[in-house]
Protein backbone atom coordinates (compact mmCIF):
# COMPACT_ATOMS: atom_id res chain seq x y z
CA MET A 1 -6.61 12.28 -15.37
CA SER A 2 -7.15 9.40 -17.74
CA TRP A 3 -10.50 7.80 -18.41
CA LYS A 4 -9.40 4.81 -16.32
CA HIS A 5 -9.10 7.00 -13.26
CA LYS A 6 -12.31 8.95 -13.97
CA LYS A 7 -14.22 5.70 -13.79
CA TRP A 8 -13.44 5.50 -10.06
CA GLN A 9 -13.55 9.23 -9.27
CA LYS A 10 -16.83 9.33 -7.30
CA ASN A 11 -15.96 6.30 -5.18
CA ARG A 12 -12.48 7.67 -4.50
CA LYS A 13 -13.92 10.95 -3.21
CA VAL A 14 -16.11 9.06 -0.76
CA LEU A 15 -13.16 6.90 0.35
CA LYS A 16 -10.98 9.98 0.88
CA ARG A 17 -13.71 11.69 2.92
CA ASP A 18 -14.14 8.62 5.11
CA LEU A 19 -10.38 8.25 5.58
CA ARG A 20 -10.08 11.87 6.68
CA LEU A 21 -12.77 11.28 9.30
CA ILE A 22 -11.02 8.31 10.92
CA MET A 23 -7.42 9.52 10.50
CA ASP A 24 -5.30 9.60 13.62
CA THR A 25 -1.60 9.02 14.29
CA PRO A 26 -1.64 5.19 14.54
CA THR A 27 -3.82 4.95 11.43
CA ALA A 28 -1.53 7.27 9.50
CA MET A 29 1.56 5.31 10.53
CA ALA A 30 -0.07 1.98 9.58
CA ILE A 31 -0.94 3.33 6.13
CA ILE A 32 2.55 4.78 5.61
CA LYS A 33 4.14 1.45 6.62
CA THR A 34 1.78 -0.42 4.29
CA TYR A 35 2.79 1.86 1.41
CA SER A 36 6.50 1.31 2.21
CA ALA A 37 6.00 -2.47 2.28
CA TYR A 38 4.19 -2.32 -1.08
CA GLN A 39 7.02 -0.32 -2.65
CA HIS A 40 9.62 -2.66 -1.15
CA ARG A 41 7.87 -5.74 -2.52
CA THR A 42 7.61 -4.13 -5.95
CA HIS A 43 11.35 -3.36 -5.89
CA ILE A 44 12.19 -6.96 -4.93
CA TYR A 45 10.02 -8.35 -7.74
CA LYS A 46 11.78 -6.11 -10.27
CA PHE A 47 15.14 -7.23 -8.90
CA TRP A 48 14.17 -10.89 -9.26
CA ALA A 49 12.96 -10.29 -12.82
CA ILE A 50 16.34 -8.81 -13.76
CA MET A 51 18.60 -11.18 -11.86
CA GLY A 52 16.56 -14.30 -12.61
CA LYS A 53 18.01 -14.30 -16.12
CA HIS A 54 21.51 -15.02 -14.79
CA LYS A 55 22.32 -18.66 -14.10
CA ALA A 56 24.89 -17.86 -11.38
CA PHE A 57 22.34 -15.79 -9.49
CA GLN A 58 19.76 -18.55 -9.66
CA GLU A 59 22.21 -21.10 -8.27
CA GLU A 60 23.37 -18.78 -5.47
CA TYR A 61 19.79 -17.85 -4.60
CA ASN A 62 18.70 -21.48 -4.44
CA ARG A 63 21.67 -22.38 -2.24
CA GLU A 64 21.58 -19.44 0.18
CA LEU A 65 18.15 -17.78 0.29
CA PHE A 66 15.49 -20.13 -1.03
CA GLY A 67 12.79 -20.67 1.58
CA LYS A 68 14.01 -17.89 3.90
CA MET A 69 11.77 -15.07 2.65
CA LEU A 70 9.03 -13.62 4.81
CA THR A 71 5.64 -13.82 3.19
CA GLY A 72 2.34 -12.12 3.73
CA SER A 73 0.05 -9.48 2.37
CA ASP A 74 0.90 -5.80 2.21
CA GLY A 75 -2.39 -4.60 0.75
CA ILE A 76 -4.24 -1.52 1.91
CA TRP A 77 -7.52 -3.40 2.29
CA GLN A 78 -6.05 -5.74 4.88
CA THR A 79 -4.65 -2.76 6.81
CA LEU A 80 -8.00 -0.95 6.66
CA TYR A 81 -9.78 -4.11 7.82
CA PHE A 82 -7.88 -4.02 11.10
CA ILE A 83 -8.21 -0.25 11.47
CA ASN A 84 -11.92 0.10 10.75
CA LYS A 85 -14.02 -2.86 9.58
CA ASP A 86 -16.96 -0.67 8.55
CA LEU A 87 -14.77 1.46 6.27
CA HIS A 88 -13.24 -1.69 4.80
CA ALA A 89 -16.62 -3.27 4.13
CA ALA A 90 -18.00 -0.09 2.53
CA HIS A 91 -15.13 0.44 0.09
CA ILE A 92 -13.35 -2.86 -0.60
CA ARG A 93 -14.77 -3.45 -4.07
CA GLN A 94 -15.50 0.18 -4.90
CA VAL A 95 -11.94 1.37 -5.62
CA PRO A 96 -8.98 -0.60 -7.04
CA GLU A 97 -6.36 -1.40 -4.42
CA ARG A 98 -3.56 0.52 -6.09
CA LEU A 99 -5.60 3.73 -6.30
CA ALA A 100 -6.88 3.29 -2.75
CA LEU A 101 -3.32 2.84 -1.48
CA GLY A 102 -2.18 6.05 -3.18
CA ASP A 103 -5.14 8.03 -1.85
CA ALA A 104 -4.71 6.68 1.68
CA TYR A 105 -0.96 7.36 1.59
CA GLY A 106 -1.51 10.96 0.50
CA ILE A 107 -4.03 11.57 3.27
CA ALA A 108 -1.78 9.94 5.87
CA LYS A 109 1.27 11.99 4.81
CA ARG A 110 -0.75 15.20 4.92
CA TYR A 111 -2.11 14.34 8.36
CA MET A 112 1.39 13.67 9.70
CA HIS A 113 2.77 16.82 8.09
CA LEU A 114 0.04 19.05 9.53
CA ASN A 115 0.11 17.54 13.03
CA PHE A 116 3.85 16.91 13.38
CA PRO A 117 5.70 19.60 11.42
CA ARG A 118 9.47 19.46 11.20
CA GLN A 119 11.28 21.82 13.48
């Protein structure tokens, strides 16, 4: 663990404990879907960075797709706000969003694995 992550270690432990206390199936699914949306957005941004260098792509994109993209936020804090406002208020500025998303995703996956094992 790097020094950057150690800086947040105490707050992350408290966040993980609180997430385990409120975890249920709808919460786990919301967190997993939030993580998937975050990864999807990251993939699209990388794709645009690569393809944006090609003039033909820019012209085709402007003609066919410009203005037709769904927008919105896929952050973990927004998801936690609608799941549990007290948890959101207690931790929003205590842990960076990227670390909180990874911690929440790990807890949600473990919850789903333990409660709904594959057969």
